[in-house]
Amino acid sequence: MRERSFFEAVSRRPYYISCSDYETKFSGIKALHHLCHALNLLGEEAYLVGATKESLKLRTPLLRESDILRHRHSNLSPIIVYPEIVSGNPLQLPNVVRWLLNSPGHIGGEESFDDSELLFAYSTDFVPENTLMPILRIPVVDNSIFNNIDNPNHEHRQGSCFYANKFVGYFLY
């Protein structure tokens, strides 16, 4: 195995992740931002496309023209990650990953996808019938806010809190 030089450029494909601005009430948008963050923490190069604000807590840089030009100059062919709500391939990039964050067509987008696309699902609940695909699950809930470990406000808490995320039901008072 050849030893790598510290000064040798590593040519890996960058990730462009299609999503809107971070929104705490939508798990799909949070998952896309957290995917970008996780890829960057793992040493990959990942950017958000379509969002207009960078997070103060996550490593989720916005894709800029200078990034696109640098990738082109380096002959890097980016991987675009679209959620299921995006129809087609609006950025016309050759390497498409589709991440089903809900049932296809339920909120928007198509119910089927191009054969050239690599498909992942957030949950088996979103995999169409008679289809096999890998599950890619990213945590979207910050569990640290639901405990008292090193919490300076522990002694001042009152009442109860229940997290139901997308729960539809009736509450009895």
C-alpha atoms as a PDB file:
ATOM      1  CA  MET A   1       0.000   0.000   0.000  1.00  0.00           C
ATOM      2  CA  ARG A   2       1.368   3.390  -1.024  1.00  0.00           C
ATOM      3  CA  GLU A   3       1.952   5.904   1.758  1.00  0.00           C
ATOM      4  CA  ARG A   4       0.102   9.170   1.320  1.00  0.00           C
ATOM      5  CA  SER A   5       1.844  12.505   1.462  1.00  0.00           C
ATOM      6  CA  PHE A   6       0.549  15.174   3.800  1.00  0.00           C
ATOM      7  CA  PHE A   7       0.580  17.569   0.835  1.00  0.00           C
ATOM      8  CA  GLU A   8      -1.286  15.261  -1.527  1.00  0.00           C
ATOM      9  CA  ALA A   9      -4.774  16.443  -2.401  1.00  0.00           C
ATOM     10  CA  VAL A  10      -7.543  14.031  -1.540  1.00  0.00           C
ATOM     11  CA  SER A  11     -10.169  14.020  -4.281  1.00  0.00           C
ATOM     12  CA  ARG A  12     -13.485  12.961  -2.834  1.00  0.00           C
ATOM     13  CA  ARG A  13     -16.848  13.924  -4.164  1.00  0.00           C
ATOM     14  CA  PRO A  14     -18.543  16.772  -2.331  1.00  0.00           C
ATOM     15  CA  TYR A  15     -22.148  16.433  -1.177  1.00  0.00           C
ATOM     16  CA  TYR A  16     -24.782  19.006  -2.057  1.00  0.00           C
ATOM     17  CA  ILE A  17     -27.870  18.597   0.127  1.00  0.00           C
ATOM     18  CA  SER A  18     -31.093  20.145  -1.105  1.00  0.00           C
ATOM     19  CA  CYS A  19     -33.163  21.666   1.707  1.00  0.00           C
ATOM     20  CA  SER A  20     -34.717  24.812   3.083  1.00  0.00           C
ATOM     21  CA  ASP A  21     -33.727  26.728   6.220  1.00  0.00           C
ATOM     22  CA  TYR A  22     -33.580  24.833   9.507  1.00  0.00           C
ATOM     23  CA  GLU A  23     -37.001  24.482  11.086  1.00  0.00           C
ATOM     24  CA  THR A  24     -37.424  22.773  14.463  1.00  0.00           C
ATOM     25  CA  LYS A  25     -40.979  21.630  13.774  1.00  0.00           C
ATOM     26  CA  PHE A  26     -40.128  19.615  10.625  1.00  0.00           C
ATOM     27  CA  SER A  27     -38.157  16.407  11.161  1.00  0.00           C
ATOM     28  CA  GLY A  28     -37.304  16.025   7.478  1.00  0.00           C
ATOM     29  CA  ILE A  29     -35.611  19.412   7.291  1.00  0.00           C
ATOM     30  CA  LYS A  30     -33.785  18.721  10.544  1.00  0.00           C
ATOM     31  CA  ALA A  31     -32.620  15.354   9.189  1.00  0.00           C
ATOM     32  CA  LEU A  32     -31.178  16.997   6.047  1.00  0.00           C
ATOM     33  CA  HIS A  33     -29.300  19.592   8.099  1.00  0.00           C
ATOM     34  CA  HIS A  34     -28.038  16.932  10.503  1.00  0.00           C
ATOM     35  CA  LEU A  35     -26.885  14.781   7.564  1.00  0.00           C
ATOM     36  CA  CYS A  36     -24.835  17.712   6.259  1.00  0.00           C
ATOM     37  CA  HIS A  37     -23.402  18.277   9.733  1.00  0.00           C
ATOM     38  CA  ALA A  38     -22.560  14.574  10.208  1.00  0.00           C
ATOM     39  CA  LEU A  39     -20.834  14.312   6.815  1.00  0.00           C
ATOM     40  CA  ASN A  40     -18.698  17.354   7.615  1.00  0.00           C
ATOM     41  CA  LEU A  41     -17.798  15.969  11.048  1.00  0.00           C
ATOM     42  CA  LEU A  42     -16.714  12.732   9.343  1.00  0.00           C
ATOM     43  CA  GLY A  43     -14.291  14.663   7.133  1.00  0.00           C
ATOM     44  CA  GLU A  44     -16.433  14.826   4.021  1.00  0.00           C
ATOM     45  CA  GLU A  45     -17.251  18.064   2.222  1.00  0.00           C
ATOM     46  CA  ALA A  46     -20.987  18.756   2.423  1.00  0.00           C
ATOM     47  CA  TYR A  47     -23.054  21.864   1.676  1.00  0.00           C
ATOM     48  CA  LEU A  48     -26.671  22.966   1.833  1.00  0.00           C
ATOM     49  CA  VAL A  49     -28.398  24.010  -1.378  1.00  0.00           C
ATOM     50  CA  GLY A  50     -31.594  26.040  -1.110  1.00  0.00           C
ATOM     51  CA  ALA A  51     -31.160  27.138   2.500  1.00  0.00           C
ATOM     52  CA  THR A  52     -30.397  30.805   3.095  1.00  0.00           C
ATOM     53  CA  LYS A  53     -29.006  30.738   6.651  1.00  0.00           C
ATOM     54  CA  GLU A  54     -26.140  28.824   8.217  1.00  0.00           C
ATOM     55  CA  SER A  55     -26.622  27.255  11.626  1.00  0.00           C
ATOM     56  CA  LEU A  56     -24.747  28.597  14.622  1.00  0.00           C
ATOM     57  CA  LYS A  57     -24.660  25.103  16.156  1.00  0.00           C
ATOM     58  CA  LEU A  58     -24.167  22.790  13.158  1.00  0.00           C
ATOM     59  CA  ARG A  59     -21.469  22.553  10.492  1.00  0.00           C
ATOM     60  CA  THR A  60     -23.842  23.205   7.614  1.00  0.00           C
ATOM     61  CA  PRO A  61     -22.209  25.620   5.178  1.00  0.00           C
ATOM     62  CA  LEU A  62     -24.254  27.045   2.333  1.00  0.00           C
ATOM     63  CA  LEU A  63     -23.045  26.159  -1.148  1.00  0.00           C
ATOM     64  CA  ARG A  64     -21.412  29.186  -2.740  1.00  0.00           C
ATOM     65  CA  GLU A  65     -20.417  29.907  -6.327  1.00  0.00           C
ATOM     66  CA  SER A  66     -16.737  29.738  -5.303  1.00  0.00           C
ATOM     67  CA  ASP A  67     -17.291  26.173  -4.019  1.00  0.00           C
ATOM     68  CA  ILE A  68     -18.918  25.120  -7.295  1.00  0.00           C
ATOM     69  CA  LEU A  69     -16.055  26.648  -9.307  1.00  0.00           C
ATOM     70  CA  ARG A  70     -13.434  24.946  -7.097  1.00  0.00           C
ATOM     71  CA  HIS A  71     -15.177  21.587  -7.534  1.00  0.00           C
ATOM     72  CA  ARG A  72     -15.356  22.041 -11.304  1.00  0.00           C
ATOM     73  CA  HIS A  73     -11.707  23.115 -11.468  1.00  0.00           C
ATOM     74  CA  SER A  74     -10.769  19.972  -9.495  1.00  0.00           C
ATOM     75  CA  ASN A  75     -12.928  17.785 -11.802  1.00  0.00           C
ATOM     76  CA  LEU A  76     -15.058  16.682  -8.849  1.00  0.00           C
ATOM     77  CA  SER A  77     -18.534  15.463  -9.649  1.00  0.00           C
ATOM     78  CA  PRO A  78     -20.748  16.270  -6.642  1.00  0.00           C
ATOM     79  CA  ILE A  79     -23.367  13.985  -5.168  1.00  0.00           C
ATOM     80  CA  ILE A  80     -26.732  15.720  -4.817  1.00  0.00           C
ATOM     81  CA  VAL A  81     -29.047  14.551  -2.045  1.00  0.00           C
ATOM     82  CA  TYR A  82     -32.707  15.346  -2.667  1.00  0.00           C
ATOM     83  CA  PRO A  83     -35.548  14.606  -0.268  1.00  0.00           C
ATOM     84  CA  GLU A  84     -38.576  12.806  -1.726  1.00  0.00           C
ATOM     85  CA  ILE A  85     -40.529  16.083  -1.996  1.00  0.00           C
ATOM     86  CA  VAL A  86     -38.255  17.412  -4.766  1.00  0.00           C
ATOM     87  CA  SER A  87     -39.464  16.409  -8.226  1.00  0.00           C
ATOM     88  CA  GLY A  88     -36.857  15.287 -10.718  1.00  0.00           C
ATOM     89  CA  ASN A  89     -33.299  16.563 -10.700  1.00  0.00           C
ATOM     90  CA  PRO A  90     -33.585  20.377 -10.808  1.00  0.00           C
ATOM     91  CA  LEU A  91     -29.809  20.896 -10.480  1.00  0.00           C
ATOM     92  CA  GLN A  92     -29.171  18.475 -13.361  1.00  0.00           C
ATOM     93  CA  LEU A  93     -26.303  16.762 -11.547  1.00  0.00           C
ATOM     94  CA  PRO A  94     -25.332  13.234 -12.634  1.00  0.00           C
ATOM     95  CA  ASN A  95     -25.016  11.652  -9.155  1.00  0.00           C
ATOM     96  CA  VAL A  96     -28.422  11.686  -7.454  1.00  0.00           C
ATOM     97  CA  VAL A  97     -29.256  10.264  -4.036  1.00  0.00           C
ATOM     98  CA  ARG A  98     -32.911  10.399  -3.026  1.00  0.00           C
ATOM     99  CA  TRP A  99     -33.644  10.235   0.708  1.00  0.00           C
ATOM    100  CA  LEU A 100     -37.234   9.294   1.501  1.00  0.00           C
ATOM    101  CA  LEU A 101     -38.068  11.276   4.623  1.00  0.00           C
ATOM    102  CA  ASN A 102     -41.759  10.532   4.174  1.00  0.00           C
ATOM    103  CA  SER A 103     -43.859   8.315   1.913  1.00  0.00           C
ATOM    104  CA  PRO A 104     -43.228   9.250  -1.734  1.00  0.00           C
ATOM    105  CA  GLY A 105     -45.863  11.687  -2.998  1.00  0.00           C
ATOM    106  CA  HIS A 106     -47.458  12.159   0.434  1.00  0.00           C
ATOM    107  CA  ILE A 107     -46.354  15.782   0.900  1.00  0.00           C
ATOM    108  CA  GLY A 108     -45.155  16.494  -2.624  1.00  0.00           C
ATOM    109  CA  GLY A 109     -42.825  15.211  -5.285  1.00  0.00           C
ATOM    110  CA  GLU A 110     -43.138  12.058  -7.318  1.00  0.00           C
ATOM    111  CA  GLU A 111     -44.305   8.622  -6.215  1.00  0.00           C
ATOM    112  CA  SER A 112     -41.556   6.888  -8.185  1.00  0.00           C
ATOM    113  CA  PHE A 113     -37.989   7.828  -9.027  1.00  0.00           C
ATOM    114  CA  ASP A 114     -35.497   7.486 -11.850  1.00  0.00           C
ATOM    115  CA  ASP A 115     -33.702   4.125 -11.975  1.00  0.00           C
ATOM    116  CA  SER A 116     -30.335   5.922 -11.928  1.00  0.00           C
ATOM    117  CA  GLU A 117     -30.996   7.391  -8.477  1.00  0.00           C
ATOM    118  CA  LEU A 118     -29.629   5.766  -5.334  1.00  0.00           C
ATOM    119  CA  LEU A 119     -32.509   5.516  -2.852  1.00  0.00           C
ATOM    120  CA  PHE A 120     -32.438   5.544   0.946  1.00  0.00           C
ATOM    121  CA  ALA A 121     -35.326   5.761   3.391  1.00  0.00           C
ATOM    122  CA  TYR A 122     -35.377   7.342   6.829  1.00  0.00           C
ATOM    123  CA  SER A 123     -37.688   4.586   8.074  1.00  0.00           C
ATOM    124  CA  THR A 124     -39.117   1.321   6.771  1.00  0.00           C
ATOM    125  CA  ASP A 125     -42.500   3.090   6.993  1.00  0.00           C
ATOM    126  CA  PHE A 126     -41.511   5.173   3.953  1.00  0.00           C
ATOM    127  CA  VAL A 127     -40.311   2.333   1.713  1.00  0.00           C
ATOM    128  CA  PRO A 128     -42.794   1.665  -1.097  1.00  0.00           C
ATOM    129  CA  GLU A 129     -44.357  -1.805  -1.202  1.00  0.00           C
ATOM    130  CA  ASN A 130     -42.301  -4.540  -2.877  1.00  0.00           C
ATOM    131  CA  THR A 131     -39.174  -2.373  -2.723  1.00  0.00           C
ATOM    132  CA  LEU A 132     -35.919  -2.972  -0.912  1.00  0.00           C
ATOM    133  CA  MET A 133     -33.759  -0.049   0.113  1.00  0.00           C
ATOM    134  CA  PRO A 134     -31.261   0.776   2.821  1.00  0.00           C
ATOM    135  CA  ILE A 135     -32.345   2.754   5.868  1.00  0.00           C
ATOM    136  CA  LEU A 136     -30.430   5.932   6.691  1.00  0.00           C
ATOM    137  CA  ARG A 137     -31.496   7.297  10.056  1.00  0.00           C
ATOM    138  CA  ILE A 138     -30.047  10.479  11.524  1.00  0.00           C
ATOM    139  CA  PRO A 139     -31.038  11.618  15.036  1.00  0.00           C
ATOM    140  CA  VAL A 140     -33.275  14.695  14.877  1.00  0.00           C
ATOM    141  CA  VAL A 141     -34.087  15.119  18.574  1.00  0.00           C
ATOM    142  CA  ASP A 142     -31.548  16.701  20.913  1.00  0.00           C
ATOM    143  CA  ASN A 143     -31.897  14.376  23.902  1.00  0.00           C
ATOM    144  CA  SER A 144     -29.677  16.594  26.039  1.00  0.00           C
ATOM    145  CA  ILE A 145     -32.606  18.954  26.677  1.00  0.00           C
ATOM    146  CA  PHE A 146     -34.652  16.127  28.201  1.00  0.00           C
ATOM    147  CA  ASN A 147     -32.356  15.325  31.110  1.00  0.00           C
ATOM    148  CA  ASN A 148     -30.787  16.992  34.122  1.00  0.00           C
ATOM    149  CA  ILE A 149     -27.158  16.013  33.620  1.00  0.00           C
ATOM    150  CA  ASP A 150     -25.107  19.178  34.211  1.00  0.00           C
ATOM    151  CA  ASN A 151     -28.273  21.243  33.893  1.00  0.00           C
ATOM    152  CA  PRO A 152     -27.948  24.476  35.895  1.00  0.00           C
ATOM    153  CA  ASN A 153     -31.745  24.909  35.873  1.00  0.00           C
ATOM    154  CA  HIS A 154     -32.509  21.512  37.406  1.00  0.00           C
ATOM    155  CA  GLU A 155     -33.660  22.908  40.770  1.00  0.00           C
ATOM    156  CA  HIS A 156     -35.996  25.406  39.079  1.00  0.00           C
ATOM    157  CA  ARG A 157     -37.955  22.998  36.880  1.00  0.00           C
ATOM    158  CA  GLN A 158     -41.657  22.471  37.448  1.00  0.00           C
ATOM    159  CA  GLY A 159     -44.401  20.414  35.836  1.00  0.00           C
ATOM    160  CA  SER A 160     -44.067  17.787  33.132  1.00  0.00           C
ATOM    161  CA  CYS A 161     -43.155  17.768  29.498  1.00  0.00           C
ATOM    162  CA  PHE A 162     -44.087  15.185  26.871  1.00  0.00           C
ATOM    163  CA  TYR A 163     -42.535  15.019  23.406  1.00  0.00           C
ATOM    164  CA  ALA A 164     -44.929  13.470  20.864  1.00  0.00           C
ATOM    165  CA  ASN A 165     -43.425  14.554  17.488  1.00  0.00           C
ATOM    166  CA  LYS A 166     -46.060  14.269  14.770  1.00  0.00           C
ATOM    167  CA  PHE A 167     -48.428  12.612  17.209  1.00  0.00           C
ATOM    168  CA  VAL A 168     -52.054  12.939  16.215  1.00  0.00           C
ATOM    169  CA  GLY A 169     -54.423  12.266  19.025  1.00  0.00           C
ATOM    170  CA  TYR A 170     -56.735  13.665  21.605  1.00  0.00           C
ATOM    171  CA  PHE A 171     -55.697  15.156  24.885  1.00  0.00           C
ATOM    172  CA  LEU A 172     -57.983  14.832  27.869  1.00  0.00           C
ATOM    173  CA  TYR A 173     -57.769  17.509  30.506  1.00  0.00           C
END
